[in-house]
Amino acid sequence: MDFYRTMGYVALGSYMRRLGEISQQASAQIYQMYGMDFEVKWFPVFLAIAENEFETVSKIAEYIGQSHVGVSLMVKEMSKSGFVETQKGITDKRETLVKLTPKGQQMQLRMNELLEDLQDTMTEVKNECETDVLRALMEYEQVILRKGLPERIKARLKTRERNKVKIIHLDPTNDAHRAAFKRINYEWIEKYFKVEPLDMESLENPDTFYINKGGLVLLAEYQGNIVGTSALKPMTADSMELSKMGVDSNAKGLGIGELLGQAIIEEGKRLGLKRLYLETNSRLLPALNLYQKLGFKTVKDFSSPYSRADVAMELWL
């Protein structure tokens, strides 16, 4: 018990499973006290059938919030034990109608006596609790149904991993930096288009094409590997072109493109630039969405040395 007090909500799932096991054991003992040869897991399905004669499996599953497959299996088990019988739907033969047998009706009479005593007992338990446990559990259920724990954890995990990404400057003397810059960009260019002479010039010689002209190349590093690239090439005294924005195909989903884009914008501000310009292609929808998210606006009239460029965008800093 100290473990659950110490861990609190972190161990809530394990704690509820423990409570479930305690409840299952107690229920089995109670059925024995009333002389009922009855499986604990049948309880909600049995009551749903008893309350709604000739209900379908689909409606029972919806009513008690369990899967159609699970309810169907329990109906088969109860049918084998002689408590229920089934028949095909009158208008829809795909449906299975379920009703109590005479043996099931006798079980229902005994179940009603148990439920009456159980109601009084649970009221007694409720009165001994400081909070309304059932209402709290129902509220918790609604909260996690609106947004499940995996979805909530996924967002935090993405943030945690994203915080491990480092944005660094390309070192022209570092062979690993140069190799990654080429590999990542050749990968996406060859996937969608064809490599052009200007691509080869910039990727083979990032120092002379970008850095020696006053531009820069940024790299994203994650777990010791280069997983993203971007570059700025001077155009005028106060504007530069953003190019070679690429992310390793094995590192998608971490928001690396956005991190690189934000870093490039900060570098532009640091350099005193007034405008960033880029060219892309309308087929690259994720890239277009990213640039729009970063604040870039479409430029209508432009000419480009790249045959693939059919969209131009700019951002005023």
Protein backbone atom coordinates (compact mmCIF):
# COMPACT_ATOMS: atom_id res chain seq x y z
CA MET A 1 0.00 0.00 0.00
CA ASP A 2 2.92 2.35 0.72
CA PHE A 3 4.02 1.94 -2.90
CA TYR A 4 0.73 3.35 -4.23
CA ARG A 5 0.74 6.20 -1.71
CA THR A 6 4.29 7.09 -2.75
CA MET A 7 3.70 6.86 -6.51
CA GLY A 8 0.27 8.50 -6.47
CA TYR A 9 -1.39 9.02 -9.86
CA VAL A 10 1.62 7.56 -11.70
CA ALA A 11 0.60 4.10 -10.47
CA LEU A 12 -3.14 4.67 -10.81
CA GLY A 13 -3.54 1.99 -13.49
CA SER A 14 -1.78 -0.62 -11.36
CA TYR A 15 -3.77 0.44 -8.29
CA MET A 16 -7.09 0.13 -10.14
CA ARG A 17 -6.05 -3.30 -11.40
CA ARG A 18 -5.29 -4.29 -7.79
CA LEU A 19 -8.70 -3.01 -6.68
CA GLY A 20 -10.26 -4.93 -9.56
CA GLU A 21 -8.61 -8.14 -8.40
CA ILE A 22 -9.87 -7.54 -4.84
CA SER A 23 -13.39 -6.88 -6.16
CA GLN A 24 -13.27 -9.99 -8.37
CA GLN A 25 -12.31 -12.18 -5.41
CA ALA A 26 -14.99 -10.63 -3.21
CA SER A 27 -17.65 -11.08 -5.89
CA ALA A 28 -16.77 -14.76 -6.32
CA GLN A 29 -17.07 -15.29 -2.55
CA ILE A 30 -20.44 -13.49 -2.46
CA TYR A 31 -21.87 -15.66 -5.28
CA GLN A 32 -20.84 -18.73 -3.30
CA MET A 33 -22.60 -17.37 -0.20
CA TYR A 34 -25.85 -17.10 -2.19
CA GLY A 35 -25.37 -20.53 -3.73
CA MET A 36 -24.97 -19.10 -7.21
CA ASP A 37 -22.87 -21.04 -9.73
CA PHE A 38 -22.11 -17.89 -11.67
CA GLU A 39 -19.01 -16.33 -13.30
CA VAL A 40 -18.14 -12.84 -12.06
CA LYS A 41 -17.38 -11.59 -15.58
CA TRP A 42 -20.93 -12.42 -16.75
CA PHE A 43 -22.54 -9.93 -14.35
CA PRO A 44 -23.03 -6.85 -16.63
CA VAL A 45 -24.07 -8.94 -19.67
CA PHE A 46 -26.51 -11.02 -17.61
CA LEU A 47 -28.17 -7.94 -16.12
CA ALA A 48 -28.41 -6.26 -19.52
CA ILE A 49 -30.17 -9.31 -20.92
CA ALA A 50 -32.45 -9.60 -17.87
CA GLU A 51 -33.47 -5.94 -18.12
CA ASN A 52 -34.02 -5.99 -21.89
CA GLU A 53 -35.58 -9.22 -23.09
CA PHE A 54 -34.55 -10.28 -26.62
CA GLU A 55 -31.79 -7.68 -26.88
CA THR A 56 -29.15 -8.01 -29.59
CA VAL A 57 -25.48 -8.63 -28.86
CA SER A 58 -24.65 -5.29 -30.49
CA LYS A 59 -27.02 -3.34 -28.25
CA ILE A 60 -25.79 -5.15 -25.13
CA ALA A 61 -22.18 -4.32 -26.02
CA GLU A 62 -23.07 -0.67 -26.55
CA TYR A 63 -25.12 -0.53 -23.35
CA ILE A 64 -22.40 -1.92 -21.06
CA GLY A 65 -19.44 -0.36 -22.91
CA GLN A 66 -17.71 -3.59 -23.90
CA SER A 67 -16.63 -4.99 -27.26
CA HIS A 68 -19.01 -6.93 -29.48
CA VAL A 69 -16.54 -9.84 -29.55
CA GLY A 70 -16.25 -9.92 -25.75
CA VAL A 71 -20.02 -9.87 -25.23
CA SER A 72 -20.53 -12.54 -27.89
CA LEU A 73 -18.07 -14.86 -26.12
CA MET A 74 -19.79 -14.37 -22.77
CA VAL A 75 -23.20 -15.02 -24.32
CA LYS A 76 -21.85 -18.30 -25.70
CA GLU A 77 -20.51 -19.25 -22.27
CA MET A 78 -23.80 -18.42 -20.54
CA SER A 79 -25.70 -20.30 -23.24
CA LYS A 80 -23.52 -23.36 -22.64
CA SER A 81 -24.30 -23.09 -18.90
CA GLY A 82 -28.01 -22.92 -19.68
CA PHE A 83 -28.71 -19.34 -18.53
CA VAL A 84 -29.52 -17.80 -21.93
CA GLU A 85 -30.65 -18.83 -25.37
CA THR A 86 -30.12 -17.13 -28.71
CA GLN A 87 -31.87 -16.83 -32.04
CA LYS A 88 -31.33 -14.94 -35.27
CA GLY A 89 -32.84 -11.49 -35.65
CA ILE A 90 -36.34 -11.32 -37.08
CA THR A 91 -35.64 -8.58 -39.62
CA ASP A 92 -31.84 -8.79 -39.73
CA LYS A 93 -30.50 -12.33 -39.75
CA ARG A 94 -26.99 -11.01 -39.05
CA GLU A 95 -28.08 -9.97 -35.57
CA THR A 96 -28.20 -12.36 -32.61
CA LEU A 97 -31.07 -11.98 -30.14
CA VAL A 98 -30.52 -13.11 -26.56
CA LYS A 99 -33.00 -13.94 -23.78
CA LEU A 100 -32.97 -15.72 -20.43
CA THR A 101 -33.91 -19.39 -20.19
CA PRO A 102 -36.06 -20.65 -17.31
CA LYS A 103 -32.80 -21.48 -15.52
CA GLY A 104 -31.64 -17.93 -16.18
CA GLN A 105 -34.87 -16.53 -14.83
CA GLN A 106 -34.38 -18.50 -11.61
CA MET A 107 -30.87 -17.09 -11.41
CA GLN A 108 -32.30 -13.60 -11.92
CA LEU A 109 -34.57 -14.03 -8.87
CA ARG A 110 -31.59 -14.96 -6.72
CA MET A 111 -29.55 -12.17 -8.32
CA ASN A 112 -32.25 -9.64 -7.34
CA GLU A 113 -31.95 -10.71 -3.71
CA LEU A 114 -28.17 -10.37 -3.89
CA LEU A 115 -28.44 -6.94 -5.51
CA GLU A 116 -30.79 -5.70 -2.80
CA ASP A 117 -28.34 -6.73 -0.08
CA LEU A 118 -25.39 -5.45 -2.12
CA GLN A 119 -27.04 -2.06 -2.58
CA ASP A 120 -27.38 -1.64 1.19
CA THR A 121 -23.81 -2.86 1.70
CA MET A 122 -22.31 -0.49 -0.88
CA THR A 123 -24.27 2.42 0.58
CA GLU A 124 -22.67 1.57 3.90
CA VAL A 125 -19.22 1.51 2.24
CA LYS A 126 -19.91 4.79 0.46
CA ASN A 127 -20.87 6.48 3.73
CA GLU A 128 -17.56 5.40 5.24
CA CYS A 129 -15.64 7.04 2.38
CA GLU A 130 -14.71 10.73 2.50
CA THR A 131 -15.38 11.17 -1.22
CA ASP A 132 -17.87 9.81 -3.74
CA VAL A 133 -15.60 7.13 -5.22
CA LEU A 134 -17.92 6.07 -8.04
CA ARG A 135 -18.49 9.65 -9.21
CA ALA A 136 -14.74 10.30 -9.11
CA LEU A 137 -14.01 7.18 -11.17
CA MET A 138 -16.66 8.10 -13.73
CA GLU A 139 -15.22 11.60 -14.00
CA TYR A 140 -11.73 10.13 -14.48
CA GLU A 141 -13.08 7.82 -17.21
CA GLN A 142 -14.63 10.74 -19.11
CA VAL A 143 -11.39 12.71 -18.89
CA ILE A 144 -9.23 9.92 -20.34
CA LEU A 145 -11.84 9.10 -22.99
CA ARG A 146 -11.66 12.70 -24.22
CA LYS A 147 -7.88 12.46 -24.45
CA GLY A 148 -6.26 9.14 -23.65
CA LEU A 149 -3.10 8.59 -21.66
CA PRO A 150 -1.10 7.34 -24.70
CA GLU A 151 -1.96 10.52 -26.58
CA ARG A 152 -0.98 12.69 -23.62
CA ILE A 153 2.27 10.78 -23.06
CA LYS A 154 3.12 10.86 -26.78
CA ALA A 155 3.11 14.67 -26.74
CA ARG A 156 5.40 14.79 -23.71
CA LEU A 157 7.72 12.14 -25.17
CA LYS A 158 8.01 14.14 -28.38
CA THR A 159 8.91 17.25 -26.37
CA ARG A 160 11.46 15.31 -24.32
CA GLU A 161 13.17 13.87 -27.40
CA ARG A 162 12.96 17.17 -29.23
CA ASN A 163 14.82 18.84 -26.37
CA LYS A 164 17.71 16.46 -27.07
CA VAL A 165 18.19 17.94 -30.54
CA LYS A 166 21.11 20.37 -30.81
CA ILE A 167 21.44 22.95 -33.58
CA ILE A 168 25.07 23.45 -34.54
CA HIS A 169 27.03 25.17 -37.29
CA LEU A 170 28.58 23.05 -40.01
CA ASP A 171 32.33 22.78 -39.59
CA PRO A 172 33.88 22.63 -43.11
CA THR A 173 36.86 20.70 -41.72
CA ASN A 174 34.58 18.00 -40.23
CA ASP A 175 34.16 15.19 -42.77
CA ALA A 176 31.11 13.80 -40.91
CA HIS A 177 29.39 17.20 -41.15
CA ARG A 178 30.05 17.48 -44.88
CA ALA A 179 28.97 13.90 -45.53
CA ALA A 180 25.70 14.31 -43.63
CA PHE A 181 24.93 17.60 -45.39
CA LYS A 182 25.29 15.87 -48.76
CA ARG A 183 23.50 12.66 -47.79
CA ILE A 184 20.39 14.23 -46.31
CA ASN A 185 19.86 16.65 -49.18
CA TYR A 186 20.66 14.23 -51.98
CA GLU A 187 18.12 11.89 -50.38
CA TRP A 188 15.13 14.22 -50.59
CA ILE A 189 16.09 15.78 -53.94
CA GLU A 190 16.51 12.41 -55.65
CA LYS A 191 13.28 11.15 -54.08
CA TYR A 192 11.11 13.87 -55.63
CA PHE A 193 13.15 15.53 -58.38
CA LYS A 194 16.49 15.31 -60.12
CA VAL A 195 19.78 16.68 -58.85
CA GLU A 196 20.77 19.84 -60.72
CA PRO A 197 24.25 21.36 -61.22
CA LEU A 198 23.58 24.03 -58.59
CA ASP A 199 22.68 21.31 -56.10
CA MET A 200 25.96 19.52 -56.65
CA GLU A 201 27.95 22.75 -56.35
CA SER A 202 26.36 23.69 -53.02
CA LEU A 203 26.37 20.19 -51.51
CA GLU A 204 29.91 19.32 -52.51
CA ASN A 205 31.33 22.68 -51.43
CA PRO A 206 29.23 24.18 -48.59
CA ASP A 207 32.21 26.25 -47.41
CA THR A 208 32.73 28.12 -50.69
CA PHE A 209 29.04 28.20 -51.66
CA TYR A 210 27.70 29.44 -48.31
CA ILE A 211 30.14 30.10 -45.51
CA ASN A 212 32.96 31.95 -47.36
CA LYS A 213 30.34 34.30 -48.88
CA GLY A 214 29.05 35.31 -45.45
CA GLY A 215 26.30 32.72 -45.21
CA LEU A 216 26.03 29.70 -42.96
CA VAL A 217 24.97 26.09 -42.73
CA LEU A 218 23.12 24.74 -39.69
CA LEU A 219 22.90 21.09 -38.72
CA ALA A 220 20.56 19.31 -36.33
CA GLU A 221 22.28 16.74 -34.13
CA TYR A 222 20.33 14.02 -32.30
CA GLN A 223 21.83 11.16 -30.31
CA GLY A 224 25.24 11.81 -31.83
CA ASN A 225 24.01 11.80 -35.43
CA ILE A 226 23.34 14.63 -37.90
CA VAL A 227 19.65 14.37 -38.76
CA GLY A 228 18.81 17.72 -40.36
CA THR A 229 20.27 20.55 -42.40
CA SER A 230 19.52 24.10 -43.50
CA ALA A 231 21.53 26.92 -45.01
CA LEU A 232 21.56 30.65 -45.67
CA LYS A 233 23.12 32.15 -48.79
CA PRO A 234 23.61 35.94 -49.12
CA MET A 235 21.50 37.66 -51.78
CA THR A 236 21.82 41.36 -50.94
CA ALA A 237 23.30 43.33 -48.05
CA ASP A 238 20.25 42.70 -45.87
CA SER A 239 18.66 39.53 -47.27
CA MET A 240 19.59 35.87 -47.61
CA GLU A 241 18.11 32.81 -49.25
CA LEU A 242 17.10 29.83 -47.12
CA SER A 243 17.91 26.56 -48.86
CA LYS A 244 18.84 22.91 -48.37
CA MET A 245 16.30 22.38 -45.61
CA GLY A 246 16.25 18.64 -45.15
CA VAL A 247 15.55 16.08 -42.42
CA ASP A 248 16.80 12.51 -42.25
CA SER A 249 13.99 10.09 -43.13
CA ASN A 250 14.75 8.12 -39.96
CA ALA A 251 14.26 11.15 -37.72
CA LYS A 252 10.77 12.27 -38.72
CA GLY A 253 8.26 13.26 -36.08
CA LEU A 254 10.59 15.17 -33.76
CA GLY A 255 9.87 18.60 -35.24
CA ILE A 256 13.46 18.94 -36.44
CA GLY A 257 12.46 20.99 -39.47
CA GLU A 258 10.72 23.51 -37.22
CA LEU A 259 13.74 23.68 -34.89
CA LEU A 260 16.03 24.34 -37.85
CA GLY A 261 13.65 26.94 -39.25
CA GLN A 262 13.43 28.77 -35.94
CA ALA A 263 17.22 28.66 -35.59
CA ILE A 264 17.68 30.05 -39.11
CA ILE A 265 15.33 32.94 -38.35
CA GLU A 266 17.24 33.72 -35.16
CA GLU A 267 20.50 33.66 -37.10
CA GLY A 268 19.02 36.04 -39.64
CA LYS A 269 18.02 38.45 -36.87
CA ARG A 270 21.48 38.13 -35.30
CA LEU A 271 23.07 39.05 -38.64
CA GLY A 272 20.84 42.10 -38.94
CA LEU A 273 18.94 40.83 -41.98
CA LYS A 274 15.63 42.31 -43.01
CA ARG A 275 14.40 39.52 -45.27
CA LEU A 276 14.66 35.77 -45.74
CA TYR A 277 13.73 34.26 -49.10
CA LEU A 278 13.22 30.67 -50.23
CA GLU A 279 12.13 28.61 -53.20
CA THR A 280 10.37 25.27 -53.03
CA ASN A 281 7.91 23.07 -54.89
CA SER A 282 4.15 22.75 -54.44
CA ARG A 283 4.49 18.95 -54.16
CA LEU A 284 6.33 19.33 -50.85
CA LEU A 285 3.25 19.97 -48.71
CA PRO A 286 4.93 19.33 -45.31
CA ALA A 287 7.63 21.85 -46.22
CA LEU A 288 5.06 24.43 -47.35
CA ASN A 289 3.09 23.99 -44.13
CA LEU A 290 6.28 24.41 -42.10
CA TYR A 291 7.27 27.62 -43.89
CA GLN A 292 3.80 29.06 -43.42
CA LYS A 293 3.93 28.14 -39.73
CA LEU A 294 7.26 29.98 -39.47
CA GLY A 295 5.64 33.08 -40.97
CA PHE A 296 6.76 32.94 -44.62
CA LYS A 297 4.41 34.45 -47.23
CA THR A 298 4.11 33.52 -50.91
CA VAL A 299 5.87 35.67 -53.51
CA LYS A 300 3.93 35.88 -56.78
CA ASP A 301 6.54 36.90 -59.34
CA PHE A 302 9.99 35.30 -59.27
CA SER A 303 12.55 33.56 -61.44
CA SER A 304 14.69 30.66 -60.26
CA PRO A 305 17.84 28.85 -61.37
CA TYR A 306 16.19 25.59 -60.23
CA SER A 307 13.82 23.88 -62.67
CA ARG A 308 11.85 22.32 -59.79
CA ALA A 309 11.02 25.63 -58.07
CA ASP A 310 7.40 26.68 -58.63
CA VAL A 311 6.81 28.42 -55.27
CA ALA A 312 8.72 31.31 -53.72
CA MET A 313 8.23 32.67 -50.21
CA GLU A 314 9.66 35.42 -48.03
CA LEU A 315 9.78 36.45 -44.42
CA TRP A 316 10.39 40.01 -43.29
CA LEU A 317 12.31 40.08 -40.02
